[in-house]
């Protein structure tokens, strides 16, 4: 599996975590930090050749 595929799988996993945080209505700060983590992975994915 190449790096881009690995990043795609990580993004999907982290987005699931984000969706769970949003659905639970728990701490907004946790959801925000998880959103930032997803954003960083997406940036890496876009930069990957």
PDB file of N, CA and C in Angstrom:
ATOM      1  N   UNK A   1       0.854  -1.179   0.000  1.00  0.00           N
ATOM      2  CA  UNK A   1       0.000   0.000   0.000  1.00  0.00           C
ATOM      3  C   UNK A   1       0.900   1.241   0.000  1.00  0.00           C
ATOM      4  N   UNK A   2       0.620   2.164  -0.903  1.00  0.00           N
ATOM      5  CA  UNK A   2       1.470   3.345  -0.974  1.00  0.00           C
ATOM      6  C   UNK A   2       1.040   4.395   0.064  1.00  0.00           C
ATOM      7  N   UNK A   3       1.840   5.417   0.168  1.00  0.00           N
ATOM      8  CA  UNK A   3       1.627   6.445   1.201  1.00  0.00           C
ATOM      9  C   UNK A   3       0.285   7.149   1.034  1.00  0.00           C
ATOM     10  N   UNK A   4      -0.105   7.434  -0.194  1.00  0.00           N
ATOM     11  CA  UNK A   4      -1.365   8.146  -0.432  1.00  0.00           C
ATOM     12  C   UNK A   4      -2.559   7.298   0.025  1.00  0.00           C
ATOM     13  N   UNK A   5      -2.518   6.003  -0.236  1.00  0.00           N
ATOM     14  CA  UNK A   5      -3.588   5.111   0.205  1.00  0.00           C
ATOM     15  C   UNK A   5      -3.636   5.019   1.731  1.00  0.00           C
ATOM     16  N   UNK A   6      -2.471   4.985   2.356  1.00  0.00           N
ATOM     17  CA  UNK A   6      -2.406   4.943   3.820  1.00  0.00           C
ATOM     18  C   UNK A   6      -3.004   6.209   4.418  1.00  0.00           C
ATOM     19  N   UNK A   7      -2.672   7.345   3.828  1.00  0.00           N
ATOM     20  CA  UNK A   7      -3.233   8.606   4.309  1.00  0.00           C
ATOM     21  C   UNK A   7      -4.752   8.624   4.143  1.00  0.00           C
ATOM     22  N   UNK A   8      -5.230   8.101   3.035  1.00  0.00           N
ATOM     23  CA  UNK A   8      -6.672   8.061   2.797  1.00  0.00           C
ATOM     24  C   UNK A   8      -7.367   7.246   3.883  1.00  0.00           C
ATOM     25  N   UNK A   9      -6.804   6.106   4.243  1.00  0.00           N
ATOM     26  CA  UNK A   9      -7.383   5.273   5.301  1.00  0.00           C
ATOM     27  C   UNK A   9      -7.345   5.986   6.653  1.00  0.00           C
ATOM     28  N   UNK A  10      -6.241   6.665   6.939  1.00  0.00           N
ATOM     29  CA  UNK A  10      -6.140   7.412   8.195  1.00  0.00           C
ATOM     30  C   UNK A  10      -7.163   8.534   8.248  1.00  0.00           C
ATOM     31  N   UNK A  11      -7.344   9.223   7.126  1.00  0.00           N
ATOM     32  CA  UNK A  11      -8.333  10.305   7.063  1.00  0.00           C
ATOM     33  C   UNK A  11      -9.722   9.752   7.350  1.00  0.00           C
ATOM     34  N   UNK A  12     -10.052   8.643   6.724  1.00  0.00           N
ATOM     35  CA  UNK A  12     -11.374   8.047   6.934  1.00  0.00           C
ATOM     36  C   UNK A  12     -11.580   7.683   8.408  1.00  0.00           C
ATOM     37  N   UNK A  13     -10.563   7.115   9.033  1.00  0.00           N
ATOM     38  CA  UNK A  13     -10.659   6.751  10.444  1.00  0.00           C
ATOM     39  C   UNK A  13     -10.818   7.958  11.343  1.00  0.00           C
ATOM     40  N   UNK A  14     -10.047   8.987  11.072  1.00  0.00           N
ATOM     41  CA  UNK A  14     -10.118  10.201  11.894  1.00  0.00           C
ATOM     42  C   UNK A  14     -11.441  10.938  11.682  1.00  0.00           C
ATOM     43  N   UNK A  15     -11.971  10.869  10.469  1.00  0.00           N
ATOM     44  CA  UNK A  15     -13.281  11.502  10.209  1.00  0.00           C
ATOM     45  C   UNK A  15     -14.396  10.783  10.951  1.00  0.00           C
ATOM     46  N   UNK A  16     -14.277   9.454  11.068  1.00  0.00           N
ATOM     47  CA  UNK A  16     -15.257   8.700  11.845  1.00  0.00           C
ATOM     48  C   UNK A  16     -15.235   9.155  13.302  1.00  0.00           C
ATOM     49  N   UNK A  17     -14.026   9.336  13.833  1.00  0.00           N
ATOM     50  CA  UNK A  17     -13.896   9.825  15.216  1.00  0.00           C
ATOM     51  C   UNK A  17     -14.533  11.204  15.354  1.00  0.00           C
ATOM     52  N   UNK A  18     -14.285  12.051  14.367  1.00  0.00           N
ATOM     53  CA  UNK A  18     -14.859  13.396  14.385  1.00  0.00           C
ATOM     54  C   UNK A  18     -16.385  13.335  14.358  1.00  0.00           C
ATOM     55  N   UNK A  19     -16.922  12.515  13.484  1.00  0.00           N
ATOM     56  CA  UNK A  19     -18.376  12.375  13.399  1.00  0.00           C
ATOM     57  C   UNK A  19     -18.968  11.891  14.719  1.00  0.00           C
ATOM     58  N   UNK A  20     -18.278  10.972  15.392  1.00  0.00           N
ATOM     59  CA  UNK A  20     -18.750  10.474  16.684  1.00  0.00           C
ATOM     60  C   UNK A  20     -18.733  11.588  17.733  1.00  0.00           C
ATOM     61  N   UNK A  21     -17.680  12.387  17.724  1.00  0.00           N
ATOM     62  CA  UNK A  21     -17.606  13.508  18.664  1.00  0.00           C
ATOM     63  C   UNK A  21     -18.736  14.499  18.420  1.00  0.00           C
ATOM     64  N   UNK A  22     -18.991  14.796  17.155  1.00  0.00           N
ATOM     65  CA  UNK A  22     -20.057  15.741  16.829  1.00  0.00           C
ATOM     66  C   UNK A  22     -21.424  15.183  17.205  1.00  0.00           C
ATOM     67  N   UNK A  23     -21.630  13.899  16.964  1.00  0.00           N
ATOM     68  CA  UNK A  23     -22.918  13.275  17.266  1.00  0.00           C
ATOM     69  C   UNK A  23     -23.175  13.204  18.771  1.00  0.00           C
ATOM     70  N   UNK A  24     -22.108  13.041  19.536  1.00  0.00           N
ATOM     71  CA  UNK A  24     -22.268  12.913  20.982  1.00  0.00           C
ATOM     72  C   UNK A  24     -22.591  14.245  21.635  1.00  0.00           C
ATOM     73  N   UNK A  25     -22.229  15.333  20.969  1.00  0.00           N
ATOM     74  CA  UNK A  25     -22.492  16.655  21.527  1.00  0.00           C
ATOM     75  C   UNK A  25     -21.606  16.984  22.711  1.00  0.00           C
ATOM     76  N   UNK A  26     -20.561  16.199  22.884  1.00  0.00           N
ATOM     77  CA  UNK A  26     -19.644  16.451  23.995  1.00  0.00           C
ATOM     78  C   UNK A  26     -18.844  17.722  23.751  1.00  0.00           C
ATOM     79  N   UNK A  27     -17.730  17.763  24.337  1.00  0.00           N
ATOM     80  CA  UNK A  27     -16.902  18.965  24.343  1.00  0.00           C
ATOM     81  C   UNK A  27     -16.592  19.483  22.938  1.00  0.00           C
ATOM     82  N   UNK A  28     -16.928  20.716  22.721  1.00  0.00           N
ATOM     83  CA  UNK A  28     -16.680  21.363  21.429  1.00  0.00           C
ATOM     84  C   UNK A  28     -15.182  21.438  21.148  1.00  0.00           C
ATOM     85  N   UNK A  29     -14.398  21.630  22.188  1.00  0.00           N
ATOM     86  CA  UNK A  29     -12.951  21.738  22.019  1.00  0.00           C
ATOM     87  C   UNK A  29     -12.371  20.446  21.448  1.00  0.00           C
ATOM     88  N   UNK A  30     -12.883  19.310  21.914  1.00  0.00           N
ATOM     89  CA  UNK A  30     -12.397  18.021  21.406  1.00  0.00           C
ATOM     90  C   UNK A  30     -12.733  17.859  19.930  1.00  0.00           C
ATOM     91  N   UNK A  31     -13.936  18.235  19.548  1.00  0.00           N
ATOM     92  CA  UNK A  31     -14.349  18.145  18.148  1.00  0.00           C
ATOM     93  C   UNK A  31     -13.500  19.076  17.283  1.00  0.00           C
ATOM     94  N   UNK A  32     -13.216  20.253  17.800  1.00  0.00           N
ATOM     95  CA  UNK A  32     -12.386  21.205  17.053  1.00  0.00           C
ATOM     96  C   UNK A  32     -10.986  20.638  16.835  1.00  0.00           C
ATOM     97  N   UNK A  33     -10.391  20.085  17.876  1.00  0.00           N
ATOM     98  CA  UNK A  33      -9.044  19.520  17.744  1.00  0.00           C
ATOM     99  C   UNK A  33      -9.043  18.330  16.786  1.00  0.00           C
ATOM    100  N   UNK A  34     -10.091  17.530  16.830  1.00  0.00           N
ATOM    101  CA  UNK A  34     -10.180  16.403  15.907  1.00  0.00           C
ATOM    102  C   UNK A  34     -10.337  16.900  14.475  1.00  0.00           C
ATOM    103  N   UNK A  35     -11.086  17.963  14.288  1.00  0.00           N
ATOM    104  CA  UNK A  35     -11.253  18.556  12.975  1.00  0.00           C
ATOM    105  C   UNK A  35      -9.910  19.053  12.440  1.00  0.00           C
ATOM    106  N   UNK A  36      -9.129  19.644  13.306  1.00  0.00           N
ATOM    107  CA  UNK A  36      -7.797  20.120  12.894  1.00  0.00           C
ATOM    108  C   UNK A  36      -6.896  18.953  12.506  1.00  0.00           C
ATOM    109  N   UNK A  37      -6.998  17.839  13.226  1.00  0.00           N
ATOM    110  CA  UNK A  37      -6.210  16.656  12.889  1.00  0.00           C
ATOM    111  C   UNK A  37      -6.591  16.138  11.500  1.00  0.00           C
ATOM    112  N   UNK A  38      -7.871  16.111  11.214  1.00  0.00           N
ATOM    113  CA  UNK A  38      -8.337  15.679   9.888  1.00  0.00           C
ATOM    114  C   UNK A  38      -7.815  16.640   8.826  1.00  0.00           C
ATOM    115  N   UNK A  39      -7.878  17.924   9.090  1.00  0.00           N
ATOM    116  CA  UNK A  39      -7.381  18.913   8.134  1.00  0.00           C
ATOM    117  C   UNK A  39      -5.900  18.700   7.830  1.00  0.00           C
ATOM    118  N   UNK A  40      -5.110  18.419   8.857  1.00  0.00           N
ATOM    119  CA  UNK A  40      -3.671  18.202   8.651  1.00  0.00           C
ATOM    120  C   UNK A  40      -3.434  16.971   7.771  1.00  0.00           C
ATOM    121  N   UNK A  41      -4.198  15.915   8.014  1.00  0.00           N
ATOM    122  CA  UNK A  41      -4.047  14.718   7.191  1.00  0.00           C
ATOM    123  C   UNK A  41      -4.455  14.983   5.747  1.00  0.00           C
ATOM    124  N   UNK A  42      -5.503  15.754   5.554  1.00  0.00           N
ATOM    125  CA  UNK A  42      -5.934  16.093   4.192  1.00  0.00           C
ATOM    126  C   UNK A  42      -4.851  16.908   3.486  1.00  0.00           C
ATOM    127  N   UNK A  43      -4.226  17.825   4.191  1.00  0.00           N
ATOM    128  CA  UNK A  43      -3.124  18.597   3.605  1.00  0.00           C
ATOM    129  C   UNK A  43      -1.995  17.673   3.170  1.00  0.00           C
ATOM    130  N   UNK A  44      -1.658  16.718   4.019  1.00  0.00           N
ATOM    131  CA  UNK A  44      -0.609  15.758   3.660  1.00  0.00           C
ATOM    132  C   UNK A  44      -1.016  14.957   2.436  1.00  0.00           C
ATOM    133  N   UNK A  45      -2.283  14.557   2.387  1.00  0.00           N
ATOM    134  CA  UNK A  45      -2.787  13.778   1.255  1.00  0.00           C
ATOM    135  C   UNK A  45      -2.667  14.587  -0.044  1.00  0.00           C
ATOM    136  N   UNK A  46      -3.053  15.849   0.018  1.00  0.00           N
ATOM    137  CA  UNK A  46      -2.995  16.703  -1.171  1.00  0.00           C
ATOM    138  C   UNK A  46      -1.560  16.974  -1.620  1.00  0.00           C
ATOM    139  N   UNK A  47      -0.644  17.019  -0.670  1.00  0.00           N
ATOM    140  CA  UNK A  47       0.761  17.255  -0.993  1.00  0.00           C
ATOM    141  C   UNK A  47       1.477  15.996  -1.486  1.00  0.00           C
ATOM    142  N   UNK A  48       0.871  14.851  -1.244  1.00  0.00           N
ATOM    143  CA  UNK A  48       1.478  13.564  -1.608  1.00  0.00           C
ATOM    144  C   UNK A  48       1.449  13.400  -3.123  1.00  0.00           C
ATOM    145  N   UNK A  49       2.539  12.919  -3.656  1.00  0.00           N
ATOM    146  CA  UNK A  49       2.616  12.735  -5.117  1.00  0.00           C
ATOM    147  C   UNK A  49       2.416  11.302  -5.506  1.00  0.00           C
TER     148      UNK A  49
END
